C-alpha atoms as a PDB file:
ATOM      1  CA  UNK A   1      40.148  41.955 -40.313  1.00  0.00           C
ATOM      2  CA  UNK A   2      40.972  45.846 -39.406  1.00  0.00           C
ATOM      3  CA  UNK A   3      38.707  47.089 -41.254  1.00  0.00           C
ATOM      4  CA  UNK A   4      35.536  45.459 -40.046  1.00  0.00           C
ATOM      5  CA  UNK A   5      37.118  46.130 -36.526  1.00  0.00           C
ATOM      6  CA  UNK A   6      36.393  49.405 -37.700  1.00  0.00           C
ATOM      7  CA  UNK A   7      33.349  49.414 -39.030  1.00  0.00           C
ATOM      8  CA  UNK A   8      32.466  47.887 -35.887  1.00  0.00           C
ATOM      9  CA  UNK A   9      34.364  50.256 -33.815  1.00  0.00           C
ATOM     10  CA  UNK A  10      32.642  53.348 -35.637  1.00  0.00           C
ATOM     11  CA  UNK A  11      28.982  51.641 -35.354  1.00  0.00           C
ATOM     12  CA  UNK A  12      29.446  51.081 -31.552  1.00  0.00           C
ATOM     13  CA  UNK A  13      30.501  55.170 -31.424  1.00  0.00           C
ATOM     14  CA  UNK A  14      27.038  56.224 -33.211  1.00  0.00           C
ATOM     15  CA  UNK A  15      25.161  53.639 -30.869  1.00  0.00           C
ATOM     16  CA  UNK A  16      26.665  54.827 -28.208  1.00  0.00           C
ATOM     17  CA  UNK A  17      26.227  58.552 -29.540  1.00  0.00           C
ATOM     18  CA  UNK A  18      22.167  58.164 -28.794  1.00  0.00           C
ATOM     19  CA  UNK A  19      21.955  56.226 -24.886  1.00  0.00           C
ATOM     20  CA  UNK A  20      21.354  58.806 -22.504  1.00  0.00           C
ATOM     21  CA  UNK A  21      23.745  60.571 -20.371  1.00  0.00           C
ATOM     22  CA  UNK A  22      21.067  59.771 -17.011  1.00  0.00           C
ATOM     23  CA  UNK A  23      21.295  56.226 -17.855  1.00  0.00           C
ATOM     24  CA  UNK A  24      25.081  56.274 -18.302  1.00  0.00           C
ATOM     25  CA  UNK A  25      26.132  57.348 -15.429  1.00  0.00           C
ATOM     26  CA  UNK A  26      23.307  55.611 -13.478  1.00  0.00           C
ATOM     27  CA  UNK A  27      24.176  51.747 -15.026  1.00  0.00           C
ATOM     28  CA  UNK A  28      27.884  52.926 -14.287  1.00  0.00           C
ATOM     29  CA  UNK A  29      27.029  53.155 -10.799  1.00  0.00           C
ATOM     30  CA  UNK A  30      25.051  50.147 -10.672  1.00  0.00           C
ATOM     31  CA  UNK A  31      27.681  48.222 -12.550  1.00  0.00           C
ATOM     32  CA  UNK A  32      30.448  49.404  -9.674  1.00  0.00           C
ATOM     33  CA  UNK A  33      28.058  48.750  -6.705  1.00  0.00           C
ATOM     34  CA  UNK A  34      26.809  45.769  -8.124  1.00  0.00           C
ATOM     35  CA  UNK A  35      30.773  44.701  -7.968  1.00  0.00           C
ATOM     36  CA  UNK A  36      31.623  45.456  -4.500  1.00  0.00           C
ATOM     37  CA  UNK A  37      28.564  43.438  -2.776  1.00  0.00           C
ATOM     38  CA  UNK A  38      28.028  40.326  -5.176  1.00  0.00           C
ATOM     39  CA  UNK A  39      32.315  39.977  -4.149  1.00  0.00           C
ATOM     40  CA  UNK A  40      31.397  40.485  -0.968  1.00  0.00           C
ATOM     41  CA  UNK A  41      28.879  38.266  -0.729  1.00  0.00           C
ATOM     42  CA  UNK A  42      30.750  35.716  -2.081  1.00  0.00           C
ATOM     43  CA  UNK A  43      33.562  35.810  -0.542  1.00  0.00           C
ATOM     44  CA  UNK A  44      31.562  36.384   3.550  1.00  0.00           C
ATOM     45  CA  UNK A  45      29.209  33.483   2.107  1.00  0.00           C
ATOM     46  CA  UNK A  46      32.413  31.079   1.345  1.00  0.00           C
ATOM     47  CA  UNK A  47      34.277  32.777   4.693  1.00  0.00           C
ATOM     48  CA  UNK A  48      36.977  33.968   2.876  1.00  0.00           C
ATOM     49  CA  UNK A  49      36.151  37.485   4.256  1.00  0.00           C
ATOM     50  CA  UNK A  50      34.472  37.998   7.636  1.00  0.00           C
ATOM     51  CA  UNK A  51      31.463  39.831   7.103  1.00  0.00           C
ATOM     52  CA  UNK A  52      32.238  42.935   9.250  1.00  0.00           C
ATOM     53  CA  UNK A  53      34.752  44.921   7.751  1.00  0.00           C
ATOM     54  CA  UNK A  54      37.036  43.595   5.161  1.00  0.00           C
ATOM     55  CA  UNK A  55      38.579  45.953   2.976  1.00  0.00           C
ATOM     56  CA  UNK A  56      36.906  45.840   0.022  1.00  0.00           C
ATOM     57  CA  UNK A  57      40.113  44.366  -2.252  1.00  0.00           C
ATOM     58  CA  UNK A  58      40.098  41.319   0.258  1.00  0.00           C
ATOM     59  CA  UNK A  59      37.002  40.690  -1.252  1.00  0.00           C
ATOM     60  CA  UNK A  60      38.813  39.796  -4.432  1.00  0.00           C
ATOM     61  CA  UNK A  61      41.292  37.584  -4.099  1.00  0.00           C
ATOM     62  CA  UNK A  62      40.134  34.081  -3.846  1.00  0.00           C
ATOM     63  CA  UNK A  63      38.141  32.434  -6.234  1.00  0.00           C
ATOM     64  CA  UNK A  64      35.679  32.731  -7.297  1.00  0.00           C
ATOM     65  CA  UNK A  65      35.111  35.974  -6.260  1.00  0.00           C
ATOM     66  CA  UNK A  66      38.184  37.655  -8.174  1.00  0.00           C
ATOM     67  CA  UNK A  67      36.694  36.840 -11.640  1.00  0.00           C
ATOM     68  CA  UNK A  68      33.645  39.539 -11.221  1.00  0.00           C
ATOM     69  CA  UNK A  69      35.591  42.305  -9.412  1.00  0.00           C
ATOM     70  CA  UNK A  70      38.169  42.082 -11.819  1.00  0.00           C
ATOM     71  CA  UNK A  71      35.955  42.305 -15.231  1.00  0.00           C
ATOM     72  CA  UNK A  72      33.718  44.864 -13.241  1.00  0.00           C
ATOM     73  CA  UNK A  73      36.345  47.092 -12.464  1.00  0.00           C
ATOM     74  CA  UNK A  74      37.509  47.576 -15.485  1.00  0.00           C
ATOM     75  CA  UNK A  75      34.458  47.938 -16.902  1.00  0.00           C
ATOM     76  CA  UNK A  76      33.566  50.562 -14.434  1.00  0.00           C
ATOM     77  CA  UNK A  77      37.132  51.583 -15.409  1.00  0.00           C
ATOM     78  CA  UNK A  78      36.225  52.325 -19.288  1.00  0.00           C
ATOM     79  CA  UNK A  79      32.766  53.659 -17.736  1.00  0.00           C
ATOM     80  CA  UNK A  80      34.146  56.328 -15.507  1.00  0.00           C
ATOM     81  CA  UNK A  81      37.094  57.422 -18.598  1.00  0.00           C
ATOM     82  CA  UNK A  82      33.759  57.957 -20.864  1.00  0.00           C
ATOM     83  CA  UNK A  83      32.206  59.628 -18.098  1.00  0.00           C
ATOM     84  CA  UNK A  84      35.273  62.452 -17.095  1.00  0.00           C
ATOM     85  CA  UNK A  85      35.268  63.427 -20.786  1.00  0.00           C
ATOM     86  CA  UNK A  86      31.288  63.313 -21.165  1.00  0.00           C
ATOM     87  CA  UNK A  87      31.262  65.609 -18.390  1.00  0.00           C
ATOM     88  CA  UNK A  88      34.343  68.224 -19.969  1.00  0.00           C
ATOM     89  CA  UNK A  89      33.125  68.784 -22.703  1.00  0.00           C
ATOM     90  CA  UNK A  90      29.450  69.714 -21.652  1.00  0.00           C
ATOM     91  CA  UNK A  91      28.597  72.784 -21.849  1.00  0.00           C
ATOM     92  CA  UNK A  92      28.180  73.115 -18.046  1.00  0.00           C
ATOM     93  CA  UNK A  93      30.302  76.045 -14.990  1.00  0.00           C
ATOM     94  CA  UNK A  94      31.469  73.073 -13.758  1.00  0.00           C
ATOM     95  CA  UNK A  95      32.772  71.292 -17.349  1.00  0.00           C
ATOM     96  CA  UNK A  96      36.193  72.435 -19.154  1.00  0.00           C
ATOM     97  CA  UNK A  97      38.158  72.081 -16.612  1.00  0.00           C
ATOM     98  CA  UNK A  98      41.372  70.650 -18.134  1.00  0.00           C
ATOM     99  CA  UNK A  99      42.717  69.254 -14.442  1.00  0.00           C
ATOM    100  CA  UNK A 100      39.590  67.964 -13.843  1.00  0.00           C
ATOM    101  CA  UNK A 101      39.778  65.892 -17.172  1.00  0.00           C
ATOM    102  CA  UNK A 102      43.589  64.837 -16.559  1.00  0.00           C
ATOM    103  CA  UNK A 103      42.289  63.711 -13.053  1.00  0.00           C
ATOM    104  CA  UNK A 104      39.374  62.331 -13.616  1.00  0.00           C
ATOM    105  CA  UNK A 105      40.625  59.576 -16.176  1.00  0.00           C
ATOM    106  CA  UNK A 106      43.901  59.457 -14.178  1.00  0.00           C
ATOM    107  CA  UNK A 107      41.375  58.132 -11.476  1.00  0.00           C
ATOM    108  CA  UNK A 108      39.715  55.308 -13.968  1.00  0.00           C
ATOM    109  CA  UNK A 109      42.822  54.468 -14.906  1.00  0.00           C
ATOM    110  CA  UNK A 110      44.135  53.162 -11.259  1.00  0.00           C
ATOM    111  CA  UNK A 111      40.411  52.017 -10.611  1.00  0.00           C
ATOM    112  CA  UNK A 112      41.264  49.586 -13.556  1.00  0.00           C
ATOM    113  CA  UNK A 113      44.847  48.716 -12.654  1.00  0.00           C
ATOM    114  CA  UNK A 114      42.735  47.795  -8.610  1.00  0.00           C
ATOM    115  CA  UNK A 115      40.655  44.917 -10.294  1.00  0.00           C
ATOM    116  CA  UNK A 116      43.429  43.822 -12.881  1.00  0.00           C
ATOM    117  CA  UNK A 117      46.218  43.565 -10.126  1.00  0.00           C
ATOM    118  CA  UNK A 118      45.003  42.134  -6.723  1.00  0.00           C
ATOM    119  CA  UNK A 119      47.041  42.578  -3.312  1.00  0.00           C
ATOM    120  CA  UNK A 120      47.690  38.800  -3.234  1.00  0.00           C
ATOM    121  CA  UNK A 121      49.736  39.358  -6.406  1.00  0.00           C
ATOM    122  CA  UNK A 122      51.401  42.572  -6.196  1.00  0.00           C
ATOM    123  CA  UNK A 123      50.169  44.598  -3.068  1.00  0.00           C
ATOM    124  CA  UNK A 124      52.734  47.670  -3.947  1.00  0.00           C
ATOM    125  CA  UNK A 125      50.973  48.308  -7.556  1.00  0.00           C
ATOM    126  CA  UNK A 126      47.734  47.699  -6.183  1.00  0.00           C
ATOM    127  CA  UNK A 127      47.971  50.021  -3.214  1.00  0.00           C
ATOM    128  CA  UNK A 128      49.370  52.955  -4.675  1.00  0.00           C
ATOM    129  CA  UNK A 129      46.583  52.701  -7.858  1.00  0.00           C
ATOM    130  CA  UNK A 130      44.072  52.379  -4.807  1.00  0.00           C
ATOM    131  CA  UNK A 131      45.338  55.688  -2.463  1.00  0.00           C
ATOM    132  CA  UNK A 132      45.601  57.758  -6.633  1.00  0.00           C
ATOM    133  CA  UNK A 133      42.016  56.978  -6.878  1.00  0.00           C
ATOM    134  CA  UNK A 134      40.887  58.068  -4.739  1.00  0.00           C
ATOM    135  CA  UNK A 135      42.913  61.108  -4.307  1.00  0.00           C
ATOM    136  CA  UNK A 136      42.161  62.050  -7.279  1.00  0.00           C
ATOM    137  CA  UNK A 137      38.635  61.781  -7.159  1.00  0.00           C
ATOM    138  CA  UNK A 138      38.135  63.913  -4.075  1.00  0.00           C
ATOM    139  CA  UNK A 139      40.112  66.432  -5.678  1.00  0.00           C
ATOM    140  CA  UNK A 140      37.866  66.514  -9.101  1.00  0.00           C
ATOM    141  CA  UNK A 141      34.892  67.041  -5.955  1.00  0.00           C
ATOM    142  CA  UNK A 142      35.908  69.648  -4.189  1.00  0.00           C
ATOM    143  CA  UNK A 143      36.517  71.506  -8.126  1.00  0.00           C
ATOM    144  CA  UNK A 144      33.738  69.994  -9.311  1.00  0.00           C
ATOM    145  CA  UNK A 145      31.678  71.140  -6.317  1.00  0.00           C
ATOM    146  CA  UNK A 146      32.764  74.839  -6.492  1.00  0.00           C
ATOM    147  CA  UNK A 147      31.981  75.213  -9.523  1.00  0.00           C
ATOM    148  CA  UNK A 148      28.612  73.390  -9.417  1.00  0.00           C
ATOM    149  CA  UNK A 149      27.338  76.657  -7.225  1.00  0.00           C
ATOM    150  CA  UNK A 150      27.559  78.916 -10.685  1.00  0.00           C
ATOM    151  CA  UNK A 151      26.110  76.215 -13.104  1.00  0.00           C
ATOM    152  CA  UNK A 152      21.995  77.812 -13.354  1.00  0.00           C
ATOM    153  CA  UNK A 153      21.010  73.817 -14.386  1.00  0.00           C
ATOM    154  CA  UNK A 154      22.133  72.045 -10.891  1.00  0.00           C
ATOM    155  CA  UNK A 155      19.400  71.395  -8.576  1.00  0.00           C
ATOM    156  CA  UNK A 156      19.639  72.788  -5.601  1.00  0.00           C
ATOM    157  CA  UNK A 157      19.506  68.791  -4.574  1.00  0.00           C
ATOM    158  CA  UNK A 158      22.393  67.969  -6.786  1.00  0.00           C
ATOM    159  CA  UNK A 159      24.639  70.248  -5.351  1.00  0.00           C
ATOM    160  CA  UNK A 160      23.742  69.608  -1.665  1.00  0.00           C
ATOM    161  CA  UNK A 161      24.305  65.683  -1.891  1.00  0.00           C
ATOM    162  CA  UNK A 162      28.050  67.026  -3.700  1.00  0.00           C
ATOM    163  CA  UNK A 163      28.970  69.109  -0.984  1.00  0.00           C
ATOM    164  CA  UNK A 164      27.952  66.677   2.287  1.00  0.00           C
ATOM    165  CA  UNK A 165      29.894  64.171  -0.350  1.00  0.00           C
ATOM    166  CA  UNK A 166      32.467  66.057  -1.240  1.00  0.00           C
ATOM    167  CA  UNK A 167      32.830  66.640   2.717  1.00  0.00           C
ATOM    168  CA  UNK A 168      32.273  63.137   4.242  1.00  0.00           C
ATOM    169  CA  UNK A 169      35.370  61.535   0.939  1.00  0.00           C
ATOM    170  CA  UNK A 170      37.512  64.015   2.506  1.00  0.00           C
ATOM    171  CA  UNK A 171      36.806  62.996   6.100  1.00  0.00           C
ATOM    172  CA  UNK A 172      36.785  59.287   5.266  1.00  0.00           C
ATOM    173  CA  UNK A 173      40.205  60.152   2.840  1.00  0.00           C
ATOM    174  CA  UNK A 174      42.004  61.967   5.842  1.00  0.00           C
ATOM    175  CA  UNK A 175      40.994  59.655   8.822  1.00  0.00           C
ATOM    176  CA  UNK A 176      42.356  56.031   6.317  1.00  0.00           C
ATOM    177  CA  UNK A 177      46.015  58.270   5.977  1.00  0.00           C
ATOM    178  CA  UNK A 178      45.884  58.902   9.832  1.00  0.00           C
ATOM    179  CA  UNK A 179      44.135  55.081  11.095  1.00  0.00           C
ATOM    180  CA  UNK A 180      46.699  53.543   8.213  1.00  0.00           C
ATOM    181  CA  UNK A 181      49.564  54.598  10.672  1.00  0.00           C
ATOM    182  CA  UNK A 182      48.793  51.661  12.684  1.00  0.00           C
ATOM    183  CA  UNK A 183      46.472  48.855  10.542  1.00  0.00           C
ATOM    184  CA  UNK A 184      46.981  45.980  13.201  1.00  0.00           C
ATOM    185  CA  UNK A 185      44.885  48.247  15.874  1.00  0.00           C
ATOM    186  CA  UNK A 186      42.694  50.651  13.336  1.00  0.00           C
ATOM    187  CA  UNK A 187      42.228  47.377  11.111  1.00  0.00           C
ATOM    188  CA  UNK A 188      38.387  48.362  11.521  1.00  0.00           C
ATOM    189  CA  UNK A 189      38.315  51.846  11.214  1.00  0.00           C
ATOM    190  CA  UNK A 190      40.538  51.761   8.052  1.00  0.00           C
ATOM    191  CA  UNK A 191      38.090  49.152   6.455  1.00  0.00           C
ATOM    192  CA  UNK A 192      35.168  51.287   7.180  1.00  0.00           C
ATOM    193  CA  UNK A 193      37.227  54.810   5.985  1.00  0.00           C
ATOM    194  CA  UNK A 194      37.580  52.853   2.751  1.00  0.00           C
ATOM    195  CA  UNK A 195      33.425  52.029   1.930  1.00  0.00           C
ATOM    196  CA  UNK A 196      33.181  54.852   3.047  1.00  0.00           C
ATOM    197  CA  UNK A 197      35.228  56.697   0.352  1.00  0.00           C
ATOM    198  CA  UNK A 198      34.167  54.154  -2.362  1.00  0.00           C
ATOM    199  CA  UNK A 199      30.655  55.134  -1.802  1.00  0.00           C
ATOM    200  CA  UNK A 200      31.008  58.314  -1.260  1.00  0.00           C
ATOM    201  CA  UNK A 201      32.691  58.512  -4.787  1.00  0.00           C
ATOM    202  CA  UNK A 202      29.972  56.464  -6.592  1.00  0.00           C
ATOM    203  CA  UNK A 203      27.033  58.891  -4.863  1.00  0.00           C
ATOM    204  CA  UNK A 204      28.656  61.931  -6.191  1.00  0.00           C
ATOM    205  CA  UNK A 205      29.373  60.372 -10.306  1.00  0.00           C
ATOM    206  CA  UNK A 206      25.489  59.416  -9.871  1.00  0.00           C
ATOM    207  CA  UNK A 207      24.391  63.030  -8.906  1.00  0.00           C
ATOM    208  CA  UNK A 208      25.509  63.880 -12.255  1.00  0.00           C
ATOM    209  CA  UNK A 209      22.463  62.325 -13.645  1.00  0.00           C
ATOM    210  CA  UNK A 210      19.845  64.898 -12.154  1.00  0.00           C
ATOM    211  CA  UNK A 211      22.131  67.449 -14.998  1.00  0.00           C
ATOM    212  CA  UNK A 212      21.457  65.609 -18.128  1.00  0.00           C
ATOM    213  CA  UNK A 213      17.552  64.436 -18.037  1.00  0.00           C
ATOM    214  CA  UNK A 214      16.346  64.588 -21.636  1.00  0.00           C
ATOM    215  CA  UNK A 215      20.057  64.643 -23.564  1.00  0.00           C
ATOM    216  CA  UNK A 216      22.249  62.180 -25.355  1.00  0.00           C
ATOM    217  CA  UNK A 217      25.695  62.049 -25.110  1.00  0.00           C
ATOM    218  CA  UNK A 218      25.528  63.171 -28.808  1.00  0.00           C
ATOM    219  CA  UNK A 219      23.722  66.190 -27.127  1.00  0.00           C
ATOM    220  CA  UNK A 220      25.318  66.925 -23.971  1.00  0.00           C
ATOM    221  CA  UNK A 221      27.212  69.431 -24.932  1.00  0.00           C
ATOM    222  CA  UNK A 222      23.415  71.233 -26.238  1.00  0.00           C
ATOM    223  CA  UNK A 223      22.417  71.344 -22.156  1.00  0.00           C
ATOM    224  CA  UNK A 224      20.340  73.974 -20.410  1.00  0.00           C
ATOM    225  CA  UNK A 225      22.993  75.646 -19.787  1.00  0.00           C
ATOM    226  CA  UNK A 226      24.125  76.745 -23.163  1.00  0.00           C
ATOM    227  CA  UNK A 227      20.803  77.767 -24.040  1.00  0.00           C
ATOM    228  CA  UNK A 228      19.786  81.494 -25.434  1.00  0.00           C
ATOM    229  CA  UNK A 229      21.521  84.077 -22.690  1.00  0.00           C
ATOM    230  CA  UNK A 230      21.037  87.910 -22.967  1.00  0.00           C
ATOM    231  CA  UNK A 231      24.409  88.115 -24.195  1.00  0.00           C
ATOM    232  CA  UNK A 232      23.676  85.304 -27.041  1.00  0.00           C
ATOM    233  CA  UNK A 233      20.717  87.570 -28.157  1.00  0.00           C
ATOM    234  CA  UNK A 234      20.274  89.319 -31.109  1.00  0.00           C
ATOM    235  CA  UNK A 235      20.395  93.292 -29.814  1.00  0.00           C
ATOM    236  CA  UNK A 236      18.875  95.812 -31.990  1.00  0.00           C
ATOM    237  CA  UNK A 237      21.857  97.472 -32.680  1.00  0.00           C
ATOM    238  CA  UNK A 238      22.689  94.277 -33.744  1.00  0.00           C
ATOM    239  CA  UNK A 239      20.024  93.299 -36.222  1.00  0.00           C
ATOM    240  CA  UNK A 240      20.643  96.900 -38.280  1.00  0.00           C
ATOM    241  CA  UNK A 241      21.657  96.383 -41.100  1.00  0.00           C
ATOM    242  CA  UNK A 242      24.135  99.226 -42.269  1.00  0.00           C
ATOM    243  CA  UNK A 243      24.546 100.708 -45.001  1.00  0.00           C
ATOM    244  CA  UNK A 244      27.349 100.020 -47.988  1.00  0.00           C
ATOM    245  CA  UNK A 245      29.562 103.055 -48.364  1.00  0.00           C
ATOM    246  CA  UNK A 246      31.894 103.859 -52.145  1.00  0.00           C
END
């Protein structure tokens, strides 16, 4: 009944809150990567698509590959949405951006639509969701990279990854738009852009794992940048007891 379902939900949230954030992010990156390459391998192996190079969506049209694609992308949509909220709630210089929260959740929803509705079932819905996903996540990458430069706990390695992948994904998106003017002529280049942009986003999201070592989801708001700063420490004047007056 509803009561039992609610109780299971509460227990599930308690268990989830104890999962290390970096493990959660690793799982998210692994789910989408394995889903894409598994479906690609099946589709190529069965002769449904050519090995070099199909659109990722072409690997989700025929059975049996369309089934793991659908489930994998729906699970990834949920993981991305949760990851977006975790990052928003963390005490980081790149957190607390409502713009990134809205864009991230929107992108997560769209990647779920991409998985549920393949290009053969309804290409306008599928393609529109895919385009929105790429645009929203490129915007998130630009904003988060800018603010990551102000975050003390972000290593130079993580920052470098974000800078490179943001530029690379942006270039892939622009090239995709240009090549889309002639699918017959630039079909291969369009596919390369799609794969490049997708894997760039996966790599970018994975870089957050470097910022959350040894923190559970429940502790994500107590990350290193939330530790005591000089402005937060008690000053001698603040410790003085003010005498009562009458």
